[in-house]
Amino acid sequence: IVKRAPSIWGYFYETTDNRKYHEASHKFLERSRSINLKKFI
């Protein structure tokens, strides 16, 4: 994305910093947490 479509990465960065989309980004984080917590702990 950074190499071929940096504007998409910029959009992702800005939307995850926006209150309106913050809740959606946290839902994504919850899913990634459940996948990765075991080895981390």
PDB file of all heavy atoms in Angstrom:
ATOM      1  N   ILE A   1       0.834  -1.207   0.000  1.00  0.00           N
ATOM      2  CA  ILE A   1       0.000   0.000   0.000  1.00  0.00           C
ATOM      3  C   ILE A   1       0.873   1.263   0.000  1.00  0.00           C
ATOM      4  O   ILE A   1       0.634   2.202  -0.756  1.00  0.00           O
ATOM      5  CB  ILE A   1      -0.968   0.011   1.201  1.00  0.00           C
ATOM      6  CG1 ILE A   1      -2.040  -1.063   1.010  1.00  0.00           C
ATOM      7  CG2 ILE A   1      -1.620   1.379   1.357  1.00  0.00           C
ATOM      8  CD1 ILE A   1      -2.945  -1.244   2.206  1.00  0.00           C
ATOM      9  N   VAL A   2       1.898   1.283   0.859  1.00  0.00           N
ATOM     10  CA  VAL A   2       2.780   2.448   0.927  1.00  0.00           C
ATOM     11  C   VAL A   2       3.526   2.641  -0.392  1.00  0.00           C
ATOM     12  O   VAL A   2       3.721   3.766  -0.855  1.00  0.00           O
ATOM     13  CB  VAL A   2       3.779   2.296   2.096  1.00  0.00           C
ATOM     14  CG1 VAL A   2       4.869   3.360   2.020  1.00  0.00           C
ATOM     15  CG2 VAL A   2       3.041   2.399   3.420  1.00  0.00           C
ATOM     16  N   LYS A   3       3.909   1.533  -1.018  1.00  0.00           N
ATOM     17  CA  LYS A   3       4.674   1.598  -2.263  1.00  0.00           C
ATOM     18  C   LYS A   3       3.806   1.970  -3.453  1.00  0.00           C
ATOM     19  O   LYS A   3       4.188   2.800  -4.287  1.00  0.00           O
ATOM     20  CB  LYS A   3       5.340   0.238  -2.509  1.00  0.00           C
ATOM     21  CG  LYS A   3       6.214   0.187  -3.752  1.00  0.00           C
ATOM     22  CD  LYS A   3       6.855  -1.189  -3.895  1.00  0.00           C
ATOM     23  CE  LYS A   3       7.714  -1.272  -5.146  1.00  0.00           C
ATOM     24  NZ  LYS A   3       8.333  -2.611  -5.299  1.00  0.00           N
ATOM     25  N   ARG A   4       2.617   1.380  -3.552  1.00  0.00           N
ATOM     26  CA  ARG A   4       1.811   1.525  -4.753  1.00  0.00           C
ATOM     27  C   ARG A   4       0.627   2.490  -4.613  1.00  0.00           C
ATOM     28  O   ARG A   4       0.160   3.051  -5.594  1.00  0.00           O
ATOM     29  CB  ARG A   4       1.285   0.147  -5.187  1.00  0.00           C
ATOM     30  CG  ARG A   4       2.389  -0.846  -5.481  1.00  0.00           C
ATOM     31  CD  ARG A   4       1.826  -2.210  -5.874  1.00  0.00           C
ATOM     32  NE  ARG A   4       2.864  -3.207  -6.067  1.00  0.00           N
ATOM     33  CZ  ARG A   4       3.588  -3.353  -7.161  1.00  0.00           C
ATOM     34  NH1 ARG A   4       3.360  -2.565  -8.198  1.00  0.00           N
ATOM     35  NH2 ARG A   4       4.519  -4.288  -7.264  1.00  0.00           N
ATOM     36  N   ALA A   5       0.133   2.644  -3.392  1.00  0.00           N
ATOM     37  CA  ALA A   5      -1.046   3.509  -3.202  1.00  0.00           C
ATOM     38  C   ALA A   5      -0.951   4.232  -1.855  1.00  0.00           C
ATOM     39  O   ALA A   5      -1.753   3.970  -0.947  1.00  0.00           O
ATOM     40  CB  ALA A   5      -2.328   2.682  -3.287  1.00  0.00           C
ATOM     41  N   PRO A   6       0.021   5.124  -1.695  1.00  0.00           N
ATOM     42  CA  PRO A   6       0.210   5.804  -0.408  1.00  0.00           C
ATOM     43  C   PRO A   6      -1.011   6.603   0.050  1.00  0.00           C
ATOM     44  O   PRO A   6      -1.200   6.805   1.247  1.00  0.00           O
ATOM     45  CB  PRO A   6       1.418   6.722  -0.668  1.00  0.00           C
ATOM     46  CG  PRO A   6       1.499   6.849  -2.152  1.00  0.00           C
ATOM     47  CD  PRO A   6       1.006   5.558  -2.696  1.00  0.00           C
ATOM     48  N   SER A   7      -1.840   7.041  -0.904  1.00  0.00           N
ATOM     49  CA  SER A   7      -3.035   7.800  -0.524  1.00  0.00           C
ATOM     50  C   SER A   7      -4.002   6.927   0.282  1.00  0.00           C
ATOM     51  O   SER A   7      -4.724   7.426   1.155  1.00  0.00           O
ATOM     52  CB  SER A   7      -3.742   8.344  -1.769  1.00  0.00           C
ATOM     53  OG  SER A   7      -4.122   7.292  -2.636  1.00  0.00           O
ATOM     54  N   ILE A   8      -4.025   5.629  -0.005  1.00  0.00           N
ATOM     55  CA  ILE A   8      -4.886   4.706   0.755  1.00  0.00           C
ATOM     56  C   ILE A   8      -4.388   4.591   2.190  1.00  0.00           C
ATOM     57  O   ILE A   8      -5.175   4.595   3.135  1.00  0.00           O
ATOM     58  CB  ILE A   8      -4.941   3.316   0.083  1.00  0.00           C
ATOM     59  CG1 ILE A   8      -5.635   3.427  -1.268  1.00  0.00           C
ATOM     60  CG2 ILE A   8      -5.652   2.303   0.979  1.00  0.00           C
ATOM     61  CD1 ILE A   8      -5.683   2.121  -2.041  1.00  0.00           C
ATOM     62  N   TRP A   9      -3.058   4.502   2.345  1.00  0.00           N
ATOM     63  CA  TRP A   9      -2.504   4.455   3.700  1.00  0.00           C
ATOM     64  C   TRP A   9      -2.802   5.753   4.443  1.00  0.00           C
ATOM     65  O   TRP A   9      -3.137   5.733   5.629  1.00  0.00           O
ATOM     66  CB  TRP A   9      -0.997   4.219   3.660  1.00  0.00           C
ATOM     67  CG  TRP A   9      -0.399   4.154   5.036  1.00  0.00           C
ATOM     68  CD1 TRP A   9       0.347   5.103   5.656  1.00  0.00           C
ATOM     69  CD2 TRP A   9      -0.562   3.087   5.978  1.00  0.00           C
ATOM     70  NE1 TRP A   9       0.681   4.704   6.932  1.00  0.00           N
ATOM     71  CE2 TRP A   9       0.136   3.471   7.151  1.00  0.00           C
ATOM     72  CE3 TRP A   9      -1.213   1.862   5.945  1.00  0.00           C
ATOM     73  CZ2 TRP A   9       0.200   2.655   8.276  1.00  0.00           C
ATOM     74  CZ3 TRP A   9      -1.156   1.044   7.068  1.00  0.00           C
ATOM     75  CH2 TRP A   9      -0.460   1.445   8.219  1.00  0.00           C
ATOM     76  N   GLY A  10      -2.709   6.885   3.739  1.00  0.00           N
ATOM     77  CA  GLY A  10      -3.045   8.169   4.359  1.00  0.00           C
ATOM     78  C   GLY A  10      -4.494   8.215   4.800  1.00  0.00           C
ATOM     79  O   GLY A  10      -4.811   8.724   5.880  1.00  0.00           O
ATOM     80  N   TYR A  11      -5.376   7.666   3.976  1.00  0.00           N
ATOM     81  CA  TYR A  11      -6.795   7.616   4.312  1.00  0.00           C
ATOM     82  C   TYR A  11      -7.023   6.759   5.558  1.00  0.00           C
ATOM     83  O   TYR A  11      -7.776   7.131   6.461  1.00  0.00           O
ATOM     84  CB  TYR A  11      -7.584   7.050   3.131  1.00  0.00           C
ATOM     85  CG  TYR A  11      -9.067   6.862   3.415  1.00  0.00           C
ATOM     86  CD1 TYR A  11      -9.938   7.942   3.389  1.00  0.00           C
ATOM     87  CD2 TYR A  11      -9.574   5.595   3.714  1.00  0.00           C
ATOM     88  CE1 TYR A  11     -11.287   7.771   3.659  1.00  0.00           C
ATOM     89  CE2 TYR A  11     -10.925   5.420   3.990  1.00  0.00           C
ATOM     90  CZ  TYR A  11     -11.779   6.507   3.957  1.00  0.00           C
ATOM     91  OH  TYR A  11     -13.114   6.325   4.239  1.00  0.00           O
ATOM     92  N   PHE A  12      -6.353   5.599   5.604  1.00  0.00           N
ATOM     93  CA  PHE A  12      -6.474   4.718   6.769  1.00  0.00           C
ATOM     94  C   PHE A  12      -5.985   5.425   8.028  1.00  0.00           C
ATOM     95  O   PHE A  12      -6.622   5.362   9.087  1.00  0.00           O
ATOM     96  CB  PHE A  12      -5.666   3.432   6.533  1.00  0.00           C
ATOM     97  CG  PHE A  12      -5.575   2.540   7.736  1.00  0.00           C
ATOM     98  CD1 PHE A  12      -6.632   1.723   8.088  1.00  0.00           C
ATOM     99  CD2 PHE A  12      -4.420   2.513   8.517  1.00  0.00           C
ATOM    100  CE1 PHE A  12      -6.555   0.910   9.208  1.00  0.00           C
ATOM    101  CE2 PHE A  12      -4.330   1.702   9.631  1.00  0.00           C
ATOM    102  CZ  PHE A  12      -5.403   0.892   9.979  1.00  0.00           C
ATOM    103  N   TYR A  13      -4.857   6.116   7.916  1.00  0.00           N
ATOM    104  CA  TYR A  13      -4.280   6.823   9.061  1.00  0.00           C
ATOM    105  C   TYR A  13      -5.237   7.891   9.577  1.00  0.00           C
ATOM    106  O   TYR A  13      -5.464   8.020  10.783  1.00  0.00           O
ATOM    107  CB  TYR A  13      -2.952   7.457   8.647  1.00  0.00           C
ATOM    108  CG  TYR A  13      -2.213   8.148   9.771  1.00  0.00           C
ATOM    109  CD1 TYR A  13      -1.278   7.455  10.535  1.00  0.00           C
ATOM    110  CD2 TYR A  13      -2.445   9.496  10.068  1.00  0.00           C
ATOM    111  CE1 TYR A  13      -0.595   8.080  11.568  1.00  0.00           C
ATOM    112  CE2 TYR A  13      -1.770  10.127  11.100  1.00  0.00           C
ATOM    113  CZ  TYR A  13      -0.842   9.418  11.841  1.00  0.00           C
ATOM    114  OH  TYR A  13      -0.183  10.037  12.866  1.00  0.00           O
ATOM    115  N   GLU A  14      -5.826   8.644   8.657  1.00  0.00           N
ATOM    116  CA  GLU A  14      -6.710   9.738   9.045  1.00  0.00           C
ATOM    117  C   GLU A  14      -8.035   9.226   9.617  1.00  0.00           C
ATOM    118  O   GLU A  14      -8.554   9.779  10.583  1.00  0.00           O
ATOM    119  CB  GLU A  14      -6.973  10.642   7.841  1.00  0.00           C
ATOM    120  CG  GLU A  14      -5.743  11.444   7.416  1.00  0.00           C
ATOM    121  CD  GLU A  14      -5.996  12.259   6.168  1.00  0.00           C
ATOM    122  OE1 GLU A  14      -7.164  12.303   5.707  1.00  0.00           O
ATOM    123  OE2 GLU A  14      -5.036  12.855   5.644  1.00  0.00           O
ATOM    124  N   THR A  15      -8.600   8.175   9.004  1.00  0.00           N
ATOM    125  CA  THR A  15      -9.891   7.682   9.479  1.00  0.00           C
ATOM    126  C   THR A  15      -9.782   7.039  10.855  1.00  0.00           C
ATOM    127  O   THR A  15     -10.681   7.169  11.685  1.00  0.00           O
ATOM    128  CB  THR A  15     -10.513   6.678   8.497  1.00  0.00           C
ATOM    129  OG1 THR A  15      -9.563   5.653   8.196  1.00  0.00           O
ATOM    130  CG2 THR A  15     -10.937   7.354   7.218  1.00  0.00           C
ATOM    131  N   THR A  16      -8.678   6.335  11.131  1.00  0.00           N
ATOM    132  CA  THR A  16      -8.513   5.720  12.453  1.00  0.00           C
ATOM    133  C   THR A  16      -8.243   6.769  13.523  1.00  0.00           C
ATOM    134  O   THR A  16      -8.348   6.478  14.719  1.00  0.00           O
ATOM    135  CB  THR A  16      -7.368   4.694  12.450  1.00  0.00           C
ATOM    136  OG1 THR A  16      -6.179   5.303  11.928  1.00  0.00           O
ATOM    137  CG2 THR A  16      -7.722   3.485  11.609  1.00  0.00           C
ATOM    138  N   ASP A  17      -7.900   7.984  13.098  1.00  0.00           N
ATOM    139  CA  ASP A  17      -7.693   9.076  14.047  1.00  0.00           C
ATOM    140  C   ASP A  17      -8.950   9.923  14.221  1.00  0.00           C
ATOM    141  O   ASP A  17      -8.977  10.871  14.982  1.00  0.00           O
ATOM    142  CB  ASP A  17      -6.536   9.963  13.564  1.00  0.00           C
ATOM    143  CG  ASP A  17      -6.027  10.893  14.644  1.00  0.00           C
ATOM    144  OD1 ASP A  17      -5.966  10.467  15.814  1.00  0.00           O
ATOM    145  OD2 ASP A  17      -5.692  12.046  14.324  1.00  0.00           O
ATOM    146  N   ASN A  18     -10.012   9.553  13.494  1.00  0.00           N
ATOM    147  CA  ASN A  18     -11.273  10.287  13.528  1.00  0.00           C
ATOM    148  C   ASN A  18     -12.235   9.627  14.512  1.00  0.00           C
ATOM    149  O   ASN A  18     -12.419   8.410  14.505  1.00  0.00           O
ATOM    150  CB  ASN A  18     -11.886  10.285  12.114  1.00  0.00           C
ATOM    151  CG  ASN A  18     -13.091  11.192  12.017  1.00  0.00           C
ATOM    152  OD1 ASN A  18     -14.025  11.069  12.794  1.00  0.00           O
ATOM    153  ND2 ASN A  18     -13.077  12.079  11.047  1.00  0.00           N
ATOM    154  N   ARG A  19     -12.842  10.415  15.383  1.00  0.00           N
ATOM    155  CA  ARG A  19     -13.762   9.863  16.388  1.00  0.00           C
ATOM    156  C   ARG A  19     -14.865   9.018  15.760  1.00  0.00           C
ATOM    157  O   ARG A  19     -15.276   7.994  16.297  1.00  0.00           O
ATOM    158  CB  ARG A  19     -14.414  11.007  17.188  1.00  0.00           C
ATOM    159  CG  ARG A  19     -13.505  11.645  18.205  1.00  0.00           C
ATOM    160  CD  ARG A  19     -14.269  12.656  19.033  1.00  0.00           C
ATOM    161  NE  ARG A  19     -13.409  13.303  19.997  1.00  0.00           N
ATOM    162  CZ  ARG A  19     -13.105  12.807  21.186  1.00  0.00           C
ATOM    163  NH1 ARG A  19     -13.600  11.645  21.544  1.00  0.00           N
ATOM    164  NH2 ARG A  19     -12.314  13.464  22.008  1.00  0.00           N
ATOM    165  N   LYS A  20     -15.337   9.435  14.606  1.00  0.00           N
ATOM    166  CA  LYS A  20     -16.444   8.753  13.948  1.00  0.00           C
ATOM    167  C   LYS A  20     -16.091   7.303  13.615  1.00  0.00           C
ATOM    168  O   LYS A  20     -16.928   6.407  13.690  1.00  0.00           O
ATOM    169  CB  LYS A  20     -16.809   9.510  12.667  1.00  0.00           C
ATOM    170  CG  LYS A  20     -17.994   8.937  11.919  1.00  0.00           C
ATOM    171  CD  LYS A  20     -18.303   9.786  10.692  1.00  0.00           C
ATOM    172  CE  LYS A  20     -19.464   9.189   9.898  1.00  0.00           C
ATOM    173  NZ  LYS A  20     -19.757   9.988   8.689  1.00  0.00           N
ATOM    174  N   TYR A  21     -14.822   7.064  13.254  1.00  0.00           N
ATOM    175  CA  TYR A  21     -14.398   5.728  12.839  1.00  0.00           C
ATOM    176  C   TYR A  21     -13.570   5.017  13.907  1.00  0.00           C
ATOM    177  O   TYR A  21     -13.131   3.890  13.700  1.00  0.00           O
ATOM    178  CB  TYR A  21     -13.587   5.821  11.544  1.00  0.00           C
ATOM    179  CG  TYR A  21     -14.362   6.390  10.391  1.00  0.00           C
ATOM    180  CD1 TYR A  21     -14.205   7.719  10.009  1.00  0.00           C
ATOM    181  CD2 TYR A  21     -15.272   5.607   9.685  1.00  0.00           C
ATOM    182  CE1 TYR A  21     -14.934   8.260   8.957  1.00  0.00           C
ATOM    183  CE2 TYR A  21     -15.999   6.137   8.627  1.00  0.00           C
ATOM    184  CZ  TYR A  21     -15.818   7.461   8.275  1.00  0.00           C
ATOM    185  OH  TYR A  21     -16.538   7.978   7.232  1.00  0.00           O
ATOM    186  N   HIS A  22     -13.343   5.685  15.034  1.00  0.00           N
ATOM    187  CA  HIS A  22     -12.490   5.133  16.077  1.00  0.00           C
ATOM    188  C   HIS A  22     -13.064   3.817  16.617  1.00  0.00           C
ATOM    189  O   HIS A  22     -12.336   2.870  16.895  1.00  0.00           O
ATOM    190  CB  HIS A  22     -12.334   6.153  17.202  1.00  0.00           C
ATOM    191  CG  HIS A  22     -11.110   5.942  18.029  1.00  0.00           C
ATOM    192  ND1 HIS A  22      -9.866   5.722  17.472  1.00  0.00           N
ATOM    193  CD2 HIS A  22     -10.939   5.889  19.369  1.00  0.00           C
ATOM    194  CE1 HIS A  22      -8.977   5.558  18.444  1.00  0.00           C
ATOM    195  NE2 HIS A  22      -9.616   5.647  19.589  1.00  0.00           N
ATOM    196  N   GLU A  23     -14.393   3.755  16.774  1.00  0.00           N
ATOM    197  CA  GLU A  23     -15.027   2.548  17.298  1.00  0.00           C
ATOM    198  C   GLU A  23     -14.826   1.362  16.357  1.00  0.00           C
ATOM    199  O   GLU A  23     -14.549   0.240  16.789  1.00  0.00           O
ATOM    200  CB  GLU A  23     -16.529   2.792  17.505  1.00  0.00           C
ATOM    201  CG  GLU A  23     -17.225   1.632  18.185  1.00  0.00           C
ATOM    202  CD  GLU A  23     -18.688   1.932  18.454  1.00  0.00           C
ATOM    203  OE1 GLU A  23     -19.073   3.124  18.478  1.00  0.00           O
ATOM    204  OE2 GLU A  23     -19.455   0.969  18.641  1.00  0.00           O
ATOM    205  N   ALA A  24     -14.912   1.610  15.051  1.00  0.00           N
ATOM    206  CA  ALA A  24     -14.711   0.542  14.064  1.00  0.00           C
ATOM    207  C   ALA A  24     -13.276   0.023  14.114  1.00  0.00           C
ATOM    208  O   ALA A  24     -13.044  -1.191  14.022  1.00  0.00           O
ATOM    209  CB  ALA A  24     -15.040   1.055  12.671  1.00  0.00           C
ATOM    210  N   SER A  25     -12.323   0.925  14.277  1.00  0.00           N
ATOM    211  CA  SER A  25     -10.926   0.496  14.342  1.00  0.00           C
ATOM    212  C   SER A  25     -10.681  -0.335  15.591  1.00  0.00           C
ATOM    213  O   SER A  25      -9.889  -1.279  15.578  1.00  0.00           O
ATOM    214  CB  SER A  25      -9.987   1.700  14.305  1.00  0.00           C
ATOM    215  OG  SER A  25     -10.170   2.526  15.431  1.00  0.00           O
ATOM    216  N   HIS A  26     -11.373  -0.016  16.681  1.00  0.00           N
ATOM    217  CA  HIS A  26     -11.221  -0.799  17.908  1.00  0.00           C
ATOM    218  C   HIS A  26     -11.811  -2.197  17.754  1.00  0.00           C
ATOM    219  O   HIS A  26     -11.306  -3.155  18.345  1.00  0.00           O
ATOM    220  CB  HIS A  26     -11.859  -0.070  19.093  1.00  0.00           C
ATOM    221  CG  HIS A  26     -10.913   0.858  19.783  1.00  0.00           C
ATOM    222  ND1 HIS A  26     -10.006   0.423  20.705  1.00  0.00           N
ATOM    223  CD2 HIS A  26     -10.708   2.193  19.655  1.00  0.00           C
ATOM    224  CE1 HIS A  26      -9.291   1.437  21.141  1.00  0.00           C
ATOM    225  NE2 HIS A  26      -9.695   2.524  20.510  1.00  0.00           N
ATOM    226  N   LYS A  27     -12.867  -2.345  16.972  1.00  0.00           N
ATOM    227  CA  LYS A  27     -13.421  -3.670  16.706  1.00  0.00           C
ATOM    228  C   LYS A  27     -12.403  -4.523  15.956  1.00  0.00           C
ATOM    229  O   LYS A  27     -12.250  -5.721  16.219  1.00  0.00           O
ATOM    230  CB  LYS A  27     -14.717  -3.548  15.908  1.00  0.00           C
ATOM    231  CG  LYS A  27     -15.880  -3.007  16.729  1.00  0.00           C
ATOM    232  CD  LYS A  27     -17.136  -2.897  15.885  1.00  0.00           C
ATOM    233  CE  LYS A  27     -18.292  -2.353  16.726  1.00  0.00           C
ATOM    234  NZ  LYS A  27     -19.531  -2.184  15.924  1.00  0.00           N
ATOM    235  N   PHE A  28     -11.702  -3.893  14.987  1.00  0.00           N
ATOM    236  CA  PHE A  28     -10.649  -4.603  14.270  1.00  0.00           C
ATOM    237  C   PHE A  28      -9.545  -5.025  15.232  1.00  0.00           C
ATOM    238  O   PHE A  28      -9.026  -6.148  15.160  1.00  0.00           O
ATOM    239  CB  PHE A  28     -10.075  -3.712  13.168  1.00  0.00           C
ATOM    240  CG  PHE A  28      -8.784  -4.216  12.586  1.00  0.00           C
ATOM    241  CD1 PHE A  28      -8.794  -5.273  11.690  1.00  0.00           C
ATOM    242  CD2 PHE A  28      -7.571  -3.651  12.957  1.00  0.00           C
ATOM    243  CE1 PHE A  28      -7.599  -5.756  11.153  1.00  0.00           C
ATOM    244  CE2 PHE A  28      -6.383  -4.128  12.436  1.00  0.00           C
ATOM    245  CZ  PHE A  28      -6.401  -5.186  11.528  1.00  0.00           C
ATOM    246  N   LEU A  29      -9.182  -4.125  16.154  1.00  0.00           N
ATOM    247  CA  LEU A  29      -8.138  -4.440  17.120  1.00  0.00           C
ATOM    248  C   LEU A  29      -8.533  -5.611  18.009  1.00  0.00           C
ATOM    249  O   LEU A  29      -7.709  -6.455  18.348  1.00  0.00           O
ATOM    250  CB  LEU A  29      -7.835  -3.211  17.991  1.00  0.00           C
ATOM    251  CG  LEU A  29      -7.016  -2.108  17.332  1.00  0.00           C
ATOM    252  CD1 LEU A  29      -6.920  -0.914  18.257  1.00  0.00           C
ATOM    253  CD2 LEU A  29      -5.630  -2.618  16.999  1.00  0.00           C
ATOM    254  N   GLU A  30      -9.805  -5.658  18.394  1.00  0.00           N
ATOM    255  CA  GLU A  30     -10.279  -6.762  19.223  1.00  0.00           C
ATOM    256  C   GLU A  30     -10.071  -8.095  18.518  1.00  0.00           C
ATOM    257  O   GLU A  30      -9.667  -9.088  19.131  1.00  0.00           O
ATOM    258  CB  GLU A  30     -11.765  -6.564  19.561  1.00  0.00           C
ATOM    259  CG  GLU A  30     -12.041  -5.503  20.596  1.00  0.00           C
ATOM    260  CD  GLU A  30     -11.392  -5.830  21.931  1.00  0.00           C
ATOM    261  OE1 GLU A  30     -11.376  -7.016  22.320  1.00  0.00           O
ATOM    262  OE2 GLU A  30     -10.884  -4.903  22.582  1.00  0.00           O
ATOM    263  N   ARG A  31     -10.338  -8.128  17.218  1.00  0.00           N
ATOM    264  CA  ARG A  31     -10.156  -9.375  16.464  1.00  0.00           C
ATOM    265  C   ARG A  31      -8.670  -9.739  16.381  1.00  0.00           C
ATOM    266  O   ARG A  31      -8.300 -10.906  16.536  1.00  0.00           O
ATOM    267  CB  ARG A  31     -10.747  -9.230  15.057  1.00  0.00           C
ATOM    268  CG  ARG A  31     -12.264  -9.063  15.049  1.00  0.00           C
ATOM    269  CD  ARG A  31     -12.820  -9.161  13.636  1.00  0.00           C
ATOM    270  NE  ARG A  31     -14.255  -8.945  13.621  1.00  0.00           N
ATOM    271  CZ  ARG A  31     -14.845  -7.788  13.381  1.00  0.00           C
ATOM    272  NH1 ARG A  31     -14.108  -6.734  13.133  1.00  0.00           N
ATOM    273  NH2 ARG A  31     -16.149  -7.680  13.379  1.00  0.00           N
ATOM    274  N   SER A  32      -7.816  -8.745  16.118  1.00  0.00           N
ATOM    275  CA  SER A  32      -6.382  -9.032  16.023  1.00  0.00           C
ATOM    276  C   SER A  32      -5.814  -9.448  17.376  1.00  0.00           C
ATOM    277  O   SER A  32      -4.917 -10.283  17.455  1.00  0.00           O
ATOM    278  CB  SER A  32      -5.629  -7.812  15.491  1.00  0.00           C
ATOM    279  OG  SER A  32      -5.643  -6.745  16.406  1.00  0.00           O
ATOM    280  N   ARG A  33      -6.337  -8.887  18.453  1.00  0.00           N
ATOM    281  CA  ARG A  33      -5.896  -9.279  19.795  1.00  0.00           C
ATOM    282  C   ARG A  33      -6.171 -10.758  20.057  1.00  0.00           C
ATOM    283  O   ARG A  33      -5.320 -11.500  20.539  1.00  0.00           O
ATOM    284  CB  ARG A  33      -6.623  -8.438  20.851  1.00  0.00           C
ATOM    285  CG  ARG A  33      -6.104  -7.027  21.032  1.00  0.00           C
ATOM    286  CD  ARG A  33      -7.050  -6.260  21.901  1.00  0.00           C
ATOM    287  NE  ARG A  33      -6.564  -4.936  22.249  1.00  0.00           N
ATOM    288  CZ  ARG A  33      -7.301  -4.026  22.862  1.00  0.00           C
ATOM    289  NH1 ARG A  33      -8.557  -4.291  23.172  1.00  0.00           N
ATOM    290  NH2 ARG A  33      -6.803  -2.852  23.173  1.00  0.00           N
ATOM    291  N   SER A  34      -7.376 -11.196  19.736  1.00  0.00           N
ATOM    292  CA  SER A  34      -7.766 -12.583  20.004  1.00  0.00           C
ATOM    293  C   SER A  34      -6.886 -13.555  19.230  1.00  0.00           C
ATOM    294  O   SER A  34      -6.606 -14.662  19.693  1.00  0.00           O
ATOM    295  CB  SER A  34      -9.240 -12.797  19.637  1.00  0.00           C
ATOM    296  OG  SER A  34      -9.451 -12.583  18.247  1.00  0.00           O
ATOM    297  N   ILE A  35      -6.405 -13.141  18.051  1.00  0.00           N
ATOM    298  CA  ILE A  35      -5.536 -13.994  17.234  1.00  0.00           C
ATOM    299  C   ILE A  35      -4.129 -14.063  17.824  1.00  0.00           C
ATOM    300  O   ILE A  35      -3.478 -15.106  17.797  1.00  0.00           O
ATOM    301  CB  ILE A  35      -5.461 -13.454  15.789  1.00  0.00           C
ATOM    302  CG1 ILE A  35      -6.825 -13.556  15.108  1.00  0.00           C
ATOM    303  CG2 ILE A  35      -4.404 -14.195  14.969  1.00  0.00           C
ATOM    304  CD1 ILE A  35      -6.884 -12.851  13.758  1.00  0.00           C
ATOM    305  N   ASN A  36      -3.658 -12.962  18.387  1.00  0.00           N
ATOM    306  CA  ASN A  36      -2.236 -12.844  18.708  1.00  0.00           C
ATOM    307  C   ASN A  36      -1.867 -12.877  20.186  1.00  0.00           C
ATOM    308  O   ASN A  36      -0.681 -12.853  20.524  1.00  0.00           O
ATOM    309  CB  ASN A  36      -1.713 -11.533  18.103  1.00  0.00           C
ATOM    310  CG  ASN A  36      -1.799 -11.522  16.594  1.00  0.00           C
ATOM    311  OD1 ASN A  36      -1.291 -12.415  15.944  1.00  0.00           O
ATOM    312  ND2 ASN A  36      -2.457 -10.521  16.032  1.00  0.00           N
ATOM    313  N   LEU A  37      -2.827 -12.927  21.076  1.00  0.00           N
ATOM    314  CA  LEU A  37      -2.520 -12.791  22.494  1.00  0.00           C
ATOM    315  C   LEU A  37      -1.757 -13.970  23.091  1.00  0.00           C
ATOM    316  O   LEU A  37      -0.889 -13.791  23.942  1.00  0.00           O
ATOM    317  CB  LEU A  37      -3.812 -12.577  23.294  1.00  0.00           C
ATOM    318  CG  LEU A  37      -4.261 -11.126  23.462  1.00  0.00           C
ATOM    319  CD1 LEU A  37      -5.564 -11.061  24.227  1.00  0.00           C
ATOM    320  CD2 LEU A  37      -3.192 -10.314  24.180  1.00  0.00           C
ATOM    321  N   LYS A  38      -2.062 -15.199  22.674  1.00  0.00           N
ATOM    322  CA  LYS A  38      -1.527 -16.390  23.340  1.00  0.00           C
ATOM    323  C   LYS A  38       0.007 -16.402  23.393  1.00  0.00           C
ATOM    324  O   LYS A  38       0.609 -16.534  24.457  1.00  0.00           O
ATOM    325  CB  LYS A  38      -2.041 -17.645  22.642  1.00  0.00           C
ATOM    326  CG  LYS A  38      -1.713 -18.926  23.394  1.00  0.00           C
ATOM    327  CD  LYS A  38      -2.371 -20.123  22.725  1.00  0.00           C
ATOM    328  CE  LYS A  38      -2.050 -21.397  23.488  1.00  0.00           C
ATOM    329  NZ  LYS A  38      -2.672 -22.594  22.869  1.00  0.00           N
ATOM    330  N   LYS A  39       0.644 -16.277  22.235  1.00  0.00           N
ATOM    331  CA  LYS A  39       2.103 -16.306  22.174  1.00  0.00           C
ATOM    332  C   LYS A  39       2.704 -15.087  22.858  1.00  0.00           C
ATOM    333  O   LYS A  39       3.762 -15.161  23.508  1.00  0.00           O
ATOM    334  CB  LYS A  39       2.552 -16.380  20.715  1.00  0.00           C
ATOM    335  CG  LYS A  39       4.040 -16.619  20.536  1.00  0.00           C
ATOM    336  CD  LYS A  39       4.382 -16.781  19.058  1.00  0.00           C
ATOM    337  CE  LYS A  39       5.885 -17.012  18.869  1.00  0.00           C
ATOM    338  NZ  LYS A  39       6.234 -17.164  17.436  1.00  0.00           N
ATOM    339  N   PHE A  40       2.030 -13.955  22.726  1.00  0.00           N
ATOM    340  CA  PHE A  40       2.468 -12.699  23.341  1.00  0.00           C
ATOM    341  C   PHE A  40       2.514 -12.848  24.863  1.00  0.00           C
ATOM    342  O   PHE A  40       3.512 -12.501  25.513  1.00  0.00           O
ATOM    343  CB  PHE A  40       1.494 -11.593  22.934  1.00  0.00           C
ATOM    344  CG  PHE A  40       2.084 -10.212  22.928  1.00  0.00           C
ATOM    345  CD1 PHE A  40       2.784  -9.740  21.829  1.00  0.00           C
ATOM    346  CD2 PHE A  40       1.930  -9.380  24.018  1.00  0.00           C
ATOM    347  CE1 PHE A  40       3.319  -8.460  21.817  1.00  0.00           C
ATOM    348  CE2 PHE A  40       2.465  -8.103  24.021  1.00  0.00           C
ATOM    349  CZ  PHE A  40       3.157  -7.645  22.918  1.00  0.00           C
ATOM    350  N   ILE A  41       1.436 -13.375  25.442  1.00  0.00           N
ATOM    351  CA  ILE A  41       1.363 -13.570  26.893  1.00  0.00           C
ATOM    352  C   ILE A  41       2.436 -14.544  27.357  1.00  0.00           C
ATOM    353  O   ILE A  41       3.092 -14.337  28.390  1.00  0.00           O
ATOM    354  CB  ILE A  41      -0.043 -14.077  27.298  1.00  0.00           C
ATOM    355  CG1 ILE A  41      -1.075 -12.971  27.091  1.00  0.00           C
ATOM    356  CG2 ILE A  41      -0.047 -14.538  28.753  1.00  0.00           C
ATOM    357  CD1 ILE A  41      -2.503 -13.411  27.339  1.00  0.00           C
TER     358      ILE A  41
END
